[in-house]
Protein backbone atom coordinates (compact mmCIF):
# COMPACT_ATOMS: atom_id res chain seq x y z
CA UNK A 1 12.68 19.80 -6.01
CA UNK A 2 9.33 19.90 -4.24
CA UNK A 3 8.36 17.60 -1.40
CA UNK A 4 6.09 15.65 -3.73
CA UNK A 5 8.82 15.38 -6.35
CA UNK A 6 11.32 14.21 -3.75
CA UNK A 7 9.01 11.54 -2.39
CA UNK A 8 8.23 10.40 -5.91
CA UNK A 9 11.93 10.19 -6.75
CA UNK A 10 12.59 8.17 -3.62
CA UNK A 11 10.11 5.63 -4.93
CA UNK A 12 11.78 5.41 -8.30
CA UNK A 13 9.52 7.97 -9.96
CA UNK A 14 6.19 6.51 -8.83
CA UNK A 15 3.55 9.05 -7.94
CA UNK A 16 2.05 7.00 -5.10
CA UNK A 17 3.35 4.55 -2.54
CA UNK A 18 2.05 1.59 -4.52
CA UNK A 19 1.35 3.01 -7.96
CA UNK A 20 -1.51 2.27 -10.33
CA UNK A 21 -3.23 -1.10 -10.51
CA UNK A 22 -1.21 -1.92 -13.61
CA UNK A 23 2.06 -0.95 -11.96
CA UNK A 24 1.23 -3.10 -8.94
CA UNK A 25 0.42 -6.09 -11.11
CA UNK A 26 3.61 -5.76 -13.13
CA UNK A 27 5.78 -5.44 -10.03
CA UNK A 28 4.11 -8.48 -8.50
CA UNK A 29 4.75 -10.45 -11.70
CA UNK A 30 8.40 -9.42 -11.59
CA UNK A 31 8.61 -10.55 -7.98
CA UNK A 32 6.96 -13.88 -8.79
CA UNK A 33 9.44 -14.49 -11.62
CA UNK A 34 12.47 -13.63 -9.48
CA UNK A 35 15.00 -16.41 -8.79
CA UNK A 36 14.49 -18.61 -5.75
CA UNK A 37 10.79 -19.24 -6.28
CA UNK A 38 8.17 -20.22 -5.58
CA UNK A 39 7.71 -17.32 -3.18
CA UNK A 40 5.50 -16.74 -0.18
CA UNK A 41 3.00 -13.89 0.01
CA UNK A 42 5.12 -11.93 2.49
CA UNK A 43 8.14 -12.10 0.18
CA UNK A 44 6.14 -10.85 -2.78
CA UNK A 45 4.54 -8.07 -0.75
CA UNK A 46 7.96 -6.80 0.30
CA UNK A 47 9.62 -7.23 -3.10
CA UNK A 48 6.80 -5.51 -5.01
CA UNK A 49 6.23 -2.79 -2.38
CA UNK A 50 2.48 -3.39 -2.59
CA UNK A 51 0.18 -3.69 0.44
CA UNK A 52 -0.48 -7.27 1.48
CA UNK A 53 -4.22 -7.13 0.81
CA UNK A 54 -3.66 -5.76 -2.70
CA UNK A 55 -0.92 -8.30 -3.40
CA UNK A 56 -3.20 -11.15 -2.35
CA UNK A 57 -6.06 -9.88 -4.50
CA UNK A 58 -3.87 -9.38 -7.57
CA UNK A 59 -2.24 -12.79 -7.13
CA UNK A 60 -5.66 -14.44 -6.96
CA UNK A 61 -6.56 -12.90 -10.31
CA UNK A 62 -3.19 -13.84 -11.85
CA UNK A 63 -3.60 -17.43 -10.65
CA UNK A 64 -7.08 -17.59 -12.16
CA UNK A 65 -5.72 -16.33 -15.48
CA UNK A 66 -2.82 -18.80 -15.50
CA UNK A 67 -0.02 -16.23 -15.24
CA UNK A 68 0.86 -17.36 -11.71
CA UNK A 69 0.68 -20.79 -10.13
CA UNK A 70 -0.02 -21.42 -6.44
CA UNK A 71 1.32 -24.63 -4.90
CA UNK A 72 0.03 -26.71 -1.99
CA UNK A 73 2.06 -24.63 0.48
CA UNK A 74 0.46 -21.37 -0.75
CA UNK A 75 3.66 -20.26 -2.47
CA UNK A 76 3.53 -18.51 -5.83
CA UNK A 77 5.55 -19.21 -8.95
CA UNK A 78 5.43 -18.49 -12.67
CA UNK A 79 2.35 -19.97 -14.30
CA UNK A 80 2.08 -21.49 -17.77
CA UNK A 81 0.87 -18.32 -19.48
CA UNK A 82 3.76 -16.30 -18.04
CA UNK A 83 6.22 -18.99 -19.13
CA UNK A 84 4.64 -19.00 -22.56
CA UNK A 85 5.09 -15.26 -22.91
CA UNK A 86 8.72 -15.55 -21.86
CA UNK A 87 9.24 -18.27 -24.45
CA UNK A 88 7.71 -16.16 -27.22
CA UNK A 89 9.89 -13.17 -26.35
CA UNK A 90 13.03 -15.32 -26.32
CA UNK A 91 12.11 -16.85 -29.66
CA UNK A 92 11.46 -20.38 -28.49
CA UNK A 93 9.33 -22.57 -26.26
CA UNK A 94 10.26 -24.36 -23.05
CA UNK A 95 11.32 -27.85 -24.16
CA UNK A 96 9.05 -27.49 -27.20
CA UNK A 97 5.50 -27.38 -25.89
CA UNK A 98 4.47 -26.67 -29.46
CA UNK A 99 6.47 -29.66 -30.67
CA UNK A 100 4.62 -32.03 -28.35
CA UNK A 101 1.26 -30.70 -29.48
CA UNK A 102 2.35 -30.89 -33.12
CA UNK A 103 3.34 -34.55 -32.70
CA UNK A 104 -0.08 -35.31 -31.24
CA UNK A 105 -1.83 -33.55 -34.11
CA UNK A 106 0.24 -35.39 -36.71
CA UNK A 107 -0.29 -38.75 -34.99
CA UNK A 108 -4.08 -38.35 -34.97
CA UNK A 109 -4.76 -36.01 -37.87
CA UNK A 110 -7.33 -34.26 -35.68
CA UNK A 111 -7.68 -30.83 -34.09
CA UNK A 112 -5.70 -30.47 -30.86
CA UNK A 113 -6.38 -27.96 -28.08
CA UNK A 114 -4.34 -26.91 -25.08
CA UNK A 115 -6.36 -25.12 -22.40
CA UNK A 116 -5.74 -23.79 -18.90
CA UNK A 117 -8.19 -23.65 -16.05
CA UNK A 118 -9.43 -20.11 -15.42
CA UNK A 119 -11.49 -20.41 -12.25
CA UNK A 120 -14.86 -21.83 -13.25
CA UNK A 121 -13.93 -22.13 -16.94
CA UNK A 122 -11.14 -23.23 -19.22
CA UNK A 123 -9.33 -20.92 -21.64
CA UNK A 124 -7.91 -22.23 -24.90
CA UNK A 125 -4.31 -21.08 -25.32
CA UNK A 126 -3.32 -23.26 -28.30
CA UNK A 127 -5.22 -24.76 -31.22
CA UNK A 128 -3.78 -26.91 -34.01
CA UNK A 129 -6.22 -27.54 -36.84
CA UNK A 130 -7.03 -30.99 -38.16
CA UNK A 131 -6.08 -32.36 -41.57
CA UNK A 132 -9.77 -32.43 -42.49
CA UNK A 133 -11.53 -29.64 -44.43
CA UNK A 134 -13.80 -29.03 -41.42
CA UNK A 135 -13.15 -26.34 -38.82
CA UNK A 136 -14.54 -26.06 -35.30
CA UNK A 137 -15.75 -22.79 -33.78
CA UNK A 138 -13.18 -22.81 -30.98
CA UNK A 139 -10.40 -20.22 -30.97
CA UNK A 140 -7.45 -19.23 -28.84
CA UNK A 141 -8.61 -17.07 -25.93
CA UNK A 142 -12.12 -18.56 -25.88
CA UNK A 143 -13.47 -19.56 -22.48
CA UNK A 144 -15.68 -22.61 -22.09
CA UNK A 145 -17.53 -24.25 -19.18
CA UNK A 146 -15.90 -27.06 -17.27
CA UNK A 147 -18.88 -29.43 -17.30
CA UNK A 148 -19.48 -29.42 -21.08
CA UNK A 149 -15.94 -29.99 -22.38
CA UNK A 150 -13.62 -32.99 -22.32
CA UNK A 151 -10.79 -30.90 -20.89
CA UNK A 152 -13.11 -29.38 -18.31
CA UNK A 153 -14.44 -32.74 -17.15
CA UNK A 154 -10.93 -34.15 -16.92
CA UNK A 155 -10.06 -31.19 -14.66
CA UNK A 156 -13.17 -31.68 -12.51
CA UNK A 157 -12.32 -35.37 -12.13
CA UNK A 158 -9.09 -34.44 -10.35
CA UNK A 159 -10.67 -31.98 -7.92
CA UNK A 160 -11.96 -32.93 -4.44
CA UNK A 161 -15.67 -33.76 -4.43
CA UNK A 162 -16.39 -30.82 -2.13
CA UNK A 163 -14.79 -28.44 -4.61
CA UNK A 164 -16.79 -29.93 -7.49
CA UNK A 165 -20.02 -29.51 -5.53
CA UNK A 166 -19.12 -25.91 -4.73
CA UNK A 167 -18.42 -25.16 -8.40
CA UNK A 168 -21.72 -26.73 -9.45
CA UNK A 169 -23.58 -24.73 -6.80
CA UNK A 170 -21.91 -21.50 -7.96
CA UNK A 171 -22.35 -21.92 -11.70
CA UNK A 172 -25.16 -24.40 -12.17
CA UNK A 173 -24.95 -26.82 -15.08
CA UNK A 174 -26.48 -24.93 -18.00
CA UNK A 175 -27.13 -26.94 -21.14
CA UNK A 176 -25.30 -26.05 -24.33
CA UNK A 177 -26.78 -28.97 -26.29
CA UNK A 178 -29.44 -31.61 -25.55
CA UNK A 179 -26.61 -33.96 -24.52
CA UNK A 180 -25.05 -31.69 -21.86
CA UNK A 181 -24.91 -33.15 -18.35
CA UNK A 182 -27.21 -30.91 -16.33
CA UNK A 183 -27.48 -32.67 -12.94
CA UNK A 184 -24.83 -32.99 -10.27
CA UNK A 185 -25.51 -36.70 -9.93
CA UNK A 186 -24.95 -37.39 -13.64
CA UNK A 187 -21.81 -35.29 -13.68
CA UNK A 188 -20.29 -36.95 -10.61
CA UNK A 189 -21.04 -40.40 -12.04
CA UNK A 190 -19.20 -39.51 -15.23
CA UNK A 191 -16.28 -38.00 -13.32
CA UNK A 192 -15.83 -41.33 -11.55
CA UNK A 193 -15.52 -42.98 -14.99
CA UNK A 194 -13.00 -40.34 -16.05
CA UNK A 195 -10.83 -41.09 -13.02
CA UNK A 196 -11.00 -44.82 -13.75
CA UNK A 197 -10.18 -44.49 -17.45
CA UNK A 198 -7.76 -41.56 -17.38
CA UNK A 199 -9.60 -39.50 -20.00
CA UNK A 200 -12.89 -37.70 -20.57
CA UNK A 201 -15.17 -37.60 -23.59
CA UNK A 202 -17.35 -34.71 -24.67
CA UNK A 203 -19.92 -36.47 -26.84
CA UNK A 204 -21.73 -33.53 -28.50
CA UNK A 205 -22.21 -32.01 -25.04
CA UNK A 206 -20.67 -28.65 -25.89
CA UNK A 207 -21.34 -28.35 -29.62
CA UNK A 208 -23.48 -30.48 -31.98
CA UNK A 209 -21.54 -32.88 -34.25
CA UNK A 210 -18.34 -32.32 -32.22
CA UNK A 211 -16.79 -35.10 -30.13
CA UNK A 212 -13.65 -34.58 -28.03
CA UNK A 213 -11.25 -36.67 -26.00
CA UNK A 214 -9.53 -34.86 -23.14
CA UNK A 215 -7.00 -35.46 -20.37
CA UNK A 216 -5.85 -33.24 -17.53
CA UNK A 217 -2.49 -31.62 -16.99
CA UNK A 218 -1.47 -31.95 -13.34
CA UNK A 219 0.99 -29.87 -11.36
CA UNK A 220 3.59 -31.50 -9.06
CA UNK A 221 0.98 -31.60 -6.27
CA UNK A 222 -1.52 -33.44 -8.45
CA UNK A 223 -3.79 -30.43 -8.94
CA UNK A 224 -5.22 -29.93 -12.42
CA UNK A 225 -4.01 -26.77 -14.14
CA UNK A 226 -5.44 -27.43 -17.58
CA UNK A 227 -5.68 -30.13 -20.19
CA UNK A 228 -5.26 -31.28 -23.77
CA UNK A 229 -8.00 -32.47 -26.08
CA UNK A 230 -8.39 -34.12 -29.45
CA UNK A 231 -11.42 -32.82 -31.32
CA UNK A 232 -13.28 -34.64 -34.08
CA UNK A 233 -16.52 -34.42 -36.01
CA UNK A 234 -19.00 -37.18 -35.27
CA UNK A 235 -19.78 -38.02 -38.89
CA UNK A 236 -16.13 -38.85 -39.59
CA UNK A 237 -14.82 -40.35 -36.35
CA UNK A 238 -16.80 -42.74 -34.15
CA UNK A 239 -16.61 -42.77 -30.37
CA UNK A 240 -14.64 -46.00 -30.48
CA UNK A 241 -12.15 -44.45 -32.89
CA UNK A 242 -11.59 -41.32 -30.83
CA UNK A 243 -11.12 -43.34 -27.65
CA UNK A 244 -8.37 -45.26 -29.46
CA UNK A 245 -6.37 -41.99 -29.37
CA UNK A 246 -6.17 -42.20 -25.57
CA UNK A 247 -2.61 -43.62 -25.40
CA UNK A 248 -1.26 -40.83 -27.64
CA UNK A 249 -3.13 -38.24 -25.59
CA UNK A 250 -1.76 -39.67 -22.35
CA UNK A 251 1.79 -39.55 -23.69
CA UNK A 252 1.33 -35.90 -24.68
CA UNK A 253 -0.09 -34.81 -21.34
CA UNK A 254 2.63 -36.63 -19.40
CA UNK A 255 5.26 -34.87 -21.50
CA UNK A 256 3.61 -31.45 -21.24
CA UNK A 257 2.79 -31.36 -17.53
CA UNK A 258 6.38 -30.82 -16.30
CA UNK A 259 6.78 -27.92 -18.76
CA UNK A 260 3.78 -25.99 -17.48
């Protein structure tokens, strides 16, 4: 066996001390999912055998994508997308996330979305179609802005004002329809209403003829990780009617939050 072969064998067959970017990411995910979590950065660095700087960078990306969750003490645990993958592989869902969403859809008869925050956007990870013959353009995997969607605004409402201002400064508030909120002042005023009422409304701000009701999903530290929305078409459901779904939406988000 050559020196290179011997050193590779000592590392379990890897051809470099840390391996490819994919190998690093997979080992970090394995370390995150190990018992005893959530784990600190130093623990994950040692367990995955990846340099600290690389571990931190990969974790930041995994947190943004929802595969890893970071708590208030900067520890890392399995995120909702990683838990969802585990549930699919095992043939079920943790405490029936799908069942909760299905109950909400049946109670309202409208389209239901589950989305996770992905940095400056949300990503739809579930969509249950309405009972109506109309279909919205949204799809699983689609990313949408925070400021134009009901889920996004419900997330923003639970962030510190300084973080909201930083997000607005970084992304701007581009208009998707004539009704989109495009000034920081207008957005912050509406976020105050969202906090007071416990839900957000997207009133044709993201897509013409589409009106949504959204509420945030909060982690144990009160940080928003995503949200749930009920989506309707304006010519069938009035704003007063969609707001009447708020109690059912609140029940769903309260049931879902501990599972994510």
